[in-house]
Amino acid sequence: MSFQDTDIAPYHVQFTIEAHRKYAEYSGDEGFEARIGNHLAELSHRNIASWAEVEPGHWQDEWGVVWNRTVDKDIGVVANRILPQPTLRGWSPPEPNPPLRVSAYPDFIKQNQDRFLVATMGFLLFERAWTLRGMDAILMDMIESPGFVHSLLDAITEYYLAQVELAVSQDIDAVRFGDDWGSQRGLIMGPALWREFIKPRLARLFGAVRGAGKCAMIHSCGDVREVLPDLIECGLNVFNPFQPEVMDVYETKKRYYGKLSFYGGISVQRLLPRGTPDEVRQETRRLVRELGRGGGYIAAPSHAIPRMSLRRTSRRCSRCYRARRVLDC
């Protein structure tokens, strides 16, 4: 992050639940992930919260949102709507720092002293808003009820500022936020609405992290290239997942070198599920060699490795990968 050469490019590899199960079964080693040698250690605020299984495969989070995890076991699909109308009357956020979250830090720090320590906070602003209100509704509210959206996002921001205050008081290195704004073709709400509703609140959150001498990181899937300069202006240090399907990772790193570091870049849409083993090796080595030069890069898959990546790949799929097609077969 200081844009200096390192002995090797730092790396971090994560697996979805199903991919982890399949590889553990294949290797005969349930603890294989601990031996990968990842350079980052993450403490997820989302995973140390009060979740309850309200019916088989359906889990309720601390905000009251119910997630159907019968298919997607890692995140799930929202199954209810907490705010059916554009009003906050009778609603308030949950306690930001319950005892379980506070008590998790000492052991986390003690067990990972030789790694880069990251507190992660997912479903930040836009994502938390749409999980409460519904995706279709919150996008319409940005036009029809902007005052409500501002009030909702203000409440969510205060909740996360309290979490940031806890995190930066600990002996960690960074805070990583998660908030997906992009599709494969650009920002879901467009740049103007992003700058109105999201940008000023990100600046507050990044400012709280940077003001404490910690590193600010964000994960945002999709094509969000048009707001990378805004993120730098807000104080961002590291951008993830750096998807090669939606941006030229080599050109992007060159363009923002010295201003923004990148984390990810190894395709989970094309390369891992559809490339041959040799293609995976060659492209990964090129990414590490070229993007790792001069610092500013953490090598990683562009998301946690999905279950479809761990299967035998046909020749047809290999041809699709080389032709830069995502789902041609």
Protein backbone atom coordinates (compact mmCIF):
# COMPACT_ATOMS: atom_id res chain seq x y z
CA MET A 1 0.00 0.00 0.00
CA SER A 2 3.06 2.24 0.18
CA PHE A 3 3.80 1.28 -3.46
CA GLN A 4 7.11 -0.41 -2.83
CA ASP A 5 8.40 -3.72 -4.17
CA THR A 6 8.03 -6.67 -1.80
CA ASP A 7 9.80 -10.03 -1.80
CA ILE A 8 6.61 -11.68 -3.10
CA ALA A 9 3.20 -10.27 -3.96
CA PRO A 10 0.92 -10.63 -0.92
CA TYR A 11 -2.02 -12.95 -1.55
CA HIS A 12 -5.33 -14.01 -0.02
CA VAL A 13 -7.49 -16.94 -1.16
CA GLN A 14 -11.02 -17.53 0.16
CA PHE A 15 -13.60 -20.24 -0.55
CA THR A 16 -17.37 -20.36 -0.50
CA ILE A 17 -18.85 -22.98 1.85
CA GLU A 18 -19.54 -25.46 -0.96
CA ALA A 19 -16.13 -24.97 -2.61
CA HIS A 20 -14.45 -25.45 0.75
CA ARG A 21 -16.40 -28.67 1.31
CA LYS A 22 -15.53 -30.02 -2.14
CA TYR A 23 -11.83 -29.28 -1.83
CA ALA A 24 -11.63 -30.69 1.69
CA GLU A 25 -13.27 -33.86 0.37
CA TYR A 26 -10.89 -33.98 -2.61
CA SER A 27 -7.75 -33.39 -0.55
CA GLY A 28 -8.80 -35.31 2.54
CA ASP A 29 -7.81 -32.29 4.62
CA GLU A 30 -10.52 -30.32 6.45
CA GLY A 31 -7.93 -27.78 7.63
CA PHE A 32 -6.37 -27.08 4.25
CA GLU A 33 -7.34 -23.39 4.25
CA ALA A 34 -5.21 -22.64 7.32
CA ARG A 35 -2.15 -23.91 5.43
CA ILE A 36 -2.54 -21.74 2.34
CA GLY A 37 -0.43 -19.02 3.94
CA ASN A 38 -2.81 -16.10 3.39
CA HIS A 39 -1.27 -12.75 4.29
CA LEU A 40 -4.54 -11.22 5.52
CA ALA A 41 -6.61 -12.27 8.50
CA GLU A 42 -10.20 -11.04 8.60
CA LEU A 43 -12.58 -10.64 11.51
CA SER A 44 -16.08 -10.37 10.06
CA HIS A 45 -18.45 -8.20 12.09
CA ARG A 46 -21.31 -9.79 10.15
CA ASN A 47 -20.33 -13.29 11.25
CA ILE A 48 -20.12 -12.38 14.92
CA ALA A 49 -23.66 -11.17 15.32
CA SER A 50 -26.88 -12.58 16.71
CA TRP A 51 -28.30 -14.75 13.94
CA ALA A 52 -31.16 -17.17 14.51
CA GLU A 53 -32.47 -19.99 12.31
CA VAL A 54 -36.19 -19.15 12.18
CA GLU A 55 -37.04 -22.14 9.97
CA PRO A 56 -34.91 -24.78 8.23
CA GLY A 57 -32.40 -23.01 5.99
CA HIS A 58 -33.77 -19.52 6.82
CA TRP A 59 -31.68 -17.26 9.06
CA GLN A 60 -32.63 -13.91 10.61
CA ASP A 61 -29.87 -11.33 11.04
CA GLU A 62 -29.58 -8.65 13.73
CA TRP A 63 -31.58 -6.20 11.57
CA GLY A 64 -34.55 -8.59 11.38
CA VAL A 65 -33.84 -9.50 7.75
CA VAL A 66 -34.50 -13.17 6.94
CA TRP A 67 -32.10 -14.88 4.52
CA ASN A 68 -33.15 -17.98 2.60
CA ARG A 69 -29.96 -20.07 2.48
CA THR A 70 -31.44 -23.27 1.10
CA VAL A 71 -29.56 -22.73 -2.20
CA ASP A 72 -26.85 -20.13 -1.54
CA LYS A 73 -25.40 -21.20 1.79
CA ASP A 74 -22.93 -18.30 2.05
CA ILE A 75 -25.26 -15.29 1.81
CA GLY A 76 -28.75 -16.32 0.76
CA VAL A 77 -31.74 -14.46 -0.66
CA VAL A 78 -33.75 -11.89 1.31
CA ALA A 79 -37.13 -13.41 2.18
CA ASN A 80 -38.91 -10.53 3.93
CA ARG A 81 -39.22 -6.74 3.86
CA ILE A 82 -38.59 -4.78 7.06
CA LEU A 83 -39.59 -1.37 5.63
CA PRO A 84 -42.63 -1.91 3.36
CA GLN A 85 -43.24 1.87 3.13
CA PRO A 86 -40.78 4.77 2.70
CA THR A 87 -40.84 5.79 6.34
CA LEU A 88 -38.65 5.16 9.39
CA ARG A 89 -41.54 5.56 11.82
CA GLY A 90 -41.32 2.84 14.47
CA TRP A 91 -37.95 1.54 13.21
CA SER A 92 -34.41 1.86 14.56
CA PRO A 93 -31.08 0.13 13.84
CA PRO A 94 -29.83 -2.66 16.13
CA GLU A 95 -27.10 -2.28 18.74
CA PRO A 96 -23.88 -1.76 16.72
CA ASN A 97 -21.44 -3.35 19.14
CA PRO A 98 -22.99 -6.22 21.12
CA PRO A 99 -20.74 -7.97 23.67
CA LEU A 100 -19.98 -10.89 21.32
CA ARG A 101 -18.47 -8.51 18.76
CA VAL A 102 -16.40 -6.64 21.34
CA SER A 103 -15.06 -9.82 22.95
CA ALA A 104 -13.97 -11.37 19.64
CA TYR A 105 -11.04 -9.00 19.09
CA PRO A 106 -8.47 -10.12 21.69
CA ASP A 107 -8.31 -13.75 20.50
CA PHE A 108 -8.39 -12.70 16.85
CA ILE A 109 -5.40 -10.39 17.33
CA LYS A 110 -3.48 -12.90 19.45
CA GLN A 111 -3.93 -15.74 16.94
CA ASN A 112 -2.92 -13.69 13.87
CA GLN A 113 -0.03 -11.53 15.02
CA ASP A 114 2.06 -12.26 11.92
CA ARG A 115 -0.64 -11.26 9.43
CA PHE A 116 -2.29 -8.06 8.19
CA LEU A 117 -5.35 -7.72 10.43
CA VAL A 118 -8.60 -6.58 8.86
CA ALA A 119 -12.00 -5.90 10.42
CA THR A 120 -14.67 -6.47 7.78
CA MET A 121 -18.11 -4.85 7.67
CA GLY A 122 -20.41 -6.02 4.90
CA PHE A 123 -23.78 -4.79 3.64
CA LEU A 124 -22.68 -1.24 4.25
CA LEU A 125 -24.94 1.47 2.79
CA PHE A 126 -26.75 0.62 -0.45
CA GLU A 127 -26.82 -3.10 0.35
CA ARG A 128 -28.21 -2.63 3.84
CA ALA A 129 -30.79 -0.16 2.53
CA TRP A 130 -32.11 -2.54 -0.13
CA THR A 131 -32.15 -5.54 2.23
CA LEU A 132 -34.46 -3.54 4.49
CA ARG A 133 -36.59 -1.85 1.82
CA GLY A 134 -36.27 -4.09 -1.26
CA MET A 135 -34.04 -3.49 -4.28
CA ASP A 136 -36.79 -2.23 -6.56
CA ALA A 137 -38.25 0.04 -3.89
CA ILE A 138 -35.00 1.69 -2.76
CA LEU A 139 -34.07 2.53 -6.35
CA MET A 140 -37.47 4.14 -6.92
CA ASP A 141 -37.21 5.91 -3.55
CA MET A 142 -34.02 7.62 -4.72
CA ILE A 143 -36.20 9.47 -7.24
CA GLU A 144 -39.59 9.62 -5.52
CA SER A 145 -38.64 9.84 -1.82
CA PRO A 146 -35.06 11.11 -1.61
CA GLY A 147 -35.56 12.52 1.89
CA PHE A 148 -36.43 9.06 3.18
CA VAL A 149 -33.35 7.54 1.51
CA HIS A 150 -31.11 10.20 3.06
CA SER A 151 -32.61 9.55 6.49
CA LEU A 152 -32.26 5.78 6.14
CA LEU A 153 -28.65 6.01 4.96
CA ASP A 154 -27.82 8.46 7.75
CA ALA A 155 -29.08 5.94 10.32
CA ILE A 156 -27.09 3.14 8.69
CA THR A 157 -23.99 5.34 8.56
CA GLU A 158 -24.17 6.13 12.28
CA TYR A 159 -24.50 2.41 13.00
CA TYR A 160 -21.31 1.64 11.06
CA LEU A 161 -19.43 4.63 12.44
CA ALA A 162 -19.93 3.10 15.88
CA GLN A 163 -18.54 -0.19 14.59
CA VAL A 164 -15.57 1.62 13.05
CA GLU A 165 -14.90 3.30 16.39
CA LEU A 166 -14.68 -0.14 18.02
CA ALA A 167 -12.49 -1.60 15.25
CA VAL A 168 -9.92 1.21 15.09
CA SER A 169 -9.53 1.18 18.87
CA GLN A 170 -8.03 -2.31 18.46
CA ASP A 171 -4.52 -3.28 17.33
CA ILE A 172 -5.56 -3.99 13.74
CA ASP A 173 -4.28 -2.71 10.39
CA ALA A 174 -7.35 -2.05 8.27
CA VAL A 175 -11.13 -1.87 8.00
CA ARG A 176 -12.69 -3.46 4.95
CA PHE A 177 -16.21 -2.43 3.94
CA GLY A 178 -18.49 -4.29 1.55
CA ASP A 179 -21.17 -2.59 -0.57
CA ASP A 180 -21.96 -3.81 -4.10
CA TRP A 181 -22.94 -0.97 -6.44
CA GLY A 182 -22.12 -2.42 -9.84
CA SER A 183 -23.56 -4.67 -12.50
CA GLN A 184 -21.46 -6.03 -15.37
CA ARG A 185 -22.35 -2.85 -17.28
CA GLY A 186 -21.93 -0.05 -14.78
CA LEU A 187 -23.36 1.37 -11.56
CA ILE A 188 -26.80 0.03 -10.66
CA MET A 189 -28.11 3.46 -9.67
CA GLY A 190 -25.87 5.48 -12.01
CA PRO A 191 -23.08 7.88 -11.02
CA ALA A 192 -25.25 10.91 -10.20
CA LEU A 193 -27.36 9.10 -7.61
CA TRP A 194 -24.28 7.31 -6.26
CA ARG A 195 -22.60 10.66 -5.69
CA GLU A 196 -25.71 12.07 -4.02
CA PHE A 197 -26.51 9.20 -1.68
CA ILE A 198 -23.38 7.06 -1.23
CA LYS A 199 -20.27 9.20 -1.68
CA PRO A 200 -20.64 11.67 1.23
CA ARG A 201 -21.29 8.85 3.68
CA LEU A 202 -18.35 6.82 2.41
CA ALA A 203 -16.17 9.88 2.98
CA ARG A 204 -17.24 9.94 6.64
CA LEU A 205 -16.57 6.23 7.10
CA PHE A 206 -13.21 6.25 5.30
CA GLY A 207 -12.28 9.41 7.18
CA ALA A 208 -12.92 7.71 10.53
CA VAL A 209 -10.66 4.83 9.50
CA ARG A 210 -7.89 6.96 8.05
CA GLY A 211 -8.05 9.41 10.95
CA ALA A 212 -7.15 6.56 13.29
CA GLY A 213 -4.11 5.67 11.18
CA LYS A 214 -5.68 2.54 9.69
CA CYS A 215 -6.12 1.48 6.07
CA ALA A 216 -9.52 1.83 4.36
CA MET A 217 -10.55 -0.99 2.01
CA ILE A 218 -13.75 -1.65 0.11
CA HIS A 219 -15.28 -4.56 -1.77
CA SER A 220 -17.74 -3.61 -4.50
CA CYS A 221 -18.60 -6.06 -7.25
CA GLY A 222 -19.28 -5.06 -10.83
CA ASP A 223 -18.17 -2.26 -13.12
CA VAL A 224 -17.65 0.77 -10.87
CA ARG A 225 -14.73 2.27 -12.83
CA GLU A 226 -16.41 5.64 -13.23
CA VAL A 227 -16.28 6.31 -9.48
CA LEU A 228 -12.72 5.12 -8.77
CA PRO A 229 -11.53 8.77 -8.71
CA ASP A 230 -14.35 9.56 -6.24
CA LEU A 231 -13.25 6.69 -4.00
CA ILE A 232 -9.70 8.01 -3.99
CA GLU A 233 -11.05 11.45 -3.12
CA CYS A 234 -12.98 9.90 -0.21
CA GLY A 235 -9.76 8.41 1.19
CA LEU A 236 -9.85 4.80 -0.03
CA ASN A 237 -6.58 2.83 0.11
CA VAL A 238 -7.51 -0.54 -1.42
CA PHE A 239 -10.20 -1.57 -3.93
CA ASN A 240 -11.55 -5.12 -4.27
CA PRO A 241 -12.52 -7.37 -6.14
CA PHE A 242 -10.84 -5.89 -9.24
CA GLN A 243 -12.83 -7.97 -11.74
CA PRO A 244 -11.06 -8.58 -15.08
CA GLU A 245 -14.46 -9.12 -16.78
CA VAL A 246 -15.41 -5.47 -16.26
CA MET A 247 -12.06 -3.65 -16.29
CA ASP A 248 -8.62 -4.01 -17.81
CA VAL A 249 -6.75 -4.83 -14.62
CA TYR A 250 -3.32 -4.07 -16.09
CA GLU A 251 -4.33 -0.67 -17.44
CA THR A 252 -6.34 0.21 -14.31
CA LYS A 253 -3.44 -0.48 -11.98
CA LYS A 254 -1.15 1.60 -14.19
CA ARG A 255 -3.65 4.49 -14.30
CA TYR A 256 -4.08 4.70 -10.52
CA TYR A 257 -0.61 3.63 -9.41
CA GLY A 258 0.46 5.60 -6.35
CA LYS A 259 -3.14 6.57 -5.56
CA LEU A 260 -5.03 3.31 -5.10
CA SER A 261 -4.04 -0.31 -4.45
CA PHE A 262 -5.96 -3.24 -5.87
CA TYR A 263 -6.91 -6.60 -4.38
CA GLY A 264 -8.26 -9.47 -6.48
CA GLY A 265 -7.97 -9.77 -10.24
CA ILE A 266 -7.99 -13.57 -10.69
CA SER A 267 -11.25 -14.25 -12.52
CA VAL A 268 -13.89 -16.44 -10.88
CA GLN A 269 -16.22 -15.96 -13.86
CA ARG A 270 -13.95 -17.12 -16.66
CA LEU A 271 -10.51 -18.27 -15.58
CA LEU A 272 -11.15 -20.52 -12.58
CA PRO A 273 -14.33 -22.29 -13.76
CA ARG A 274 -13.49 -22.45 -17.48
CA GLY A 275 -9.73 -22.30 -17.91
CA THR A 276 -7.50 -25.36 -18.05
CA PRO A 277 -5.04 -25.90 -15.20
CA ASP A 278 -2.24 -24.55 -17.42
CA GLU A 279 -4.27 -21.44 -18.30
CA VAL A 280 -4.94 -20.83 -14.59
CA ARG A 281 -1.24 -21.12 -13.80
CA GLN A 282 -0.13 -18.90 -16.68
CA GLU A 283 -2.63 -16.10 -16.04
CA THR A 284 -2.07 -16.15 -12.28
CA ARG A 285 1.70 -15.95 -12.74
CA ARG A 286 1.30 -13.05 -15.15
CA LEU A 287 -0.98 -11.16 -12.74
CA VAL A 288 1.43 -11.65 -9.83
CA ARG A 289 4.45 -10.73 -11.94
CA GLU A 290 3.05 -7.65 -13.68
CA LEU A 291 0.56 -6.27 -11.16
CA GLY A 292 2.80 -7.08 -8.21
CA ARG A 293 5.65 -5.03 -9.61
CA GLY A 294 6.10 -1.85 -7.59
CA GLY A 295 3.58 -2.82 -4.92
CA GLY A 296 -0.03 -1.71 -4.95
CA TYR A 297 -1.45 -5.21 -5.49
CA ILE A 298 -2.80 -8.07 -3.35
CA ALA A 299 -3.22 -11.23 -5.44
CA ALA A 300 -6.56 -12.98 -4.95
CA PRO A 301 -9.52 -14.49 -6.78
CA SER A 302 -12.00 -11.78 -7.72
CA HIS A 303 -14.38 -13.29 -5.15
CA ALA A 304 -14.43 -16.26 -2.79
CA ILE A 305 -13.90 -19.30 -5.02
CA PRO A 306 -17.38 -20.57 -6.01
CA ARG A 307 -18.38 -24.21 -6.12
CA MET A 308 -18.52 -24.31 -9.94
CA SER A 309 -14.76 -23.60 -10.10
CA LEU A 310 -13.94 -26.99 -8.59
CA ARG A 311 -15.03 -29.29 -11.39
CA ARG A 312 -13.60 -30.90 -14.48
CA THR A 313 -13.59 -28.45 -17.40
CA SER A 314 -14.44 -29.46 -20.96
CA ARG A 315 -12.53 -28.43 -24.07
CA ARG A 316 -15.54 -26.35 -25.10
CA CYS A 317 -15.34 -24.36 -21.85
CA SER A 318 -11.62 -23.81 -22.39
CA ARG A 319 -12.31 -22.37 -25.83
CA CYS A 320 -14.94 -20.06 -24.33
CA TYR A 321 -12.42 -18.79 -21.82
CA ARG A 322 -9.82 -18.04 -24.48
CA ALA A 323 -12.49 -16.27 -26.57
CA ARG A 324 -13.40 -14.15 -23.51
CA ARG A 325 -16.95 -15.46 -23.41
CA VAL A 326 -18.47 -15.91 -19.98
CA LEU A 327 -21.38 -18.35 -20.41
CA ASP A 328 -21.26 -19.44 -24.05
CA CYS A 329 -21.59 -23.14 -23.30
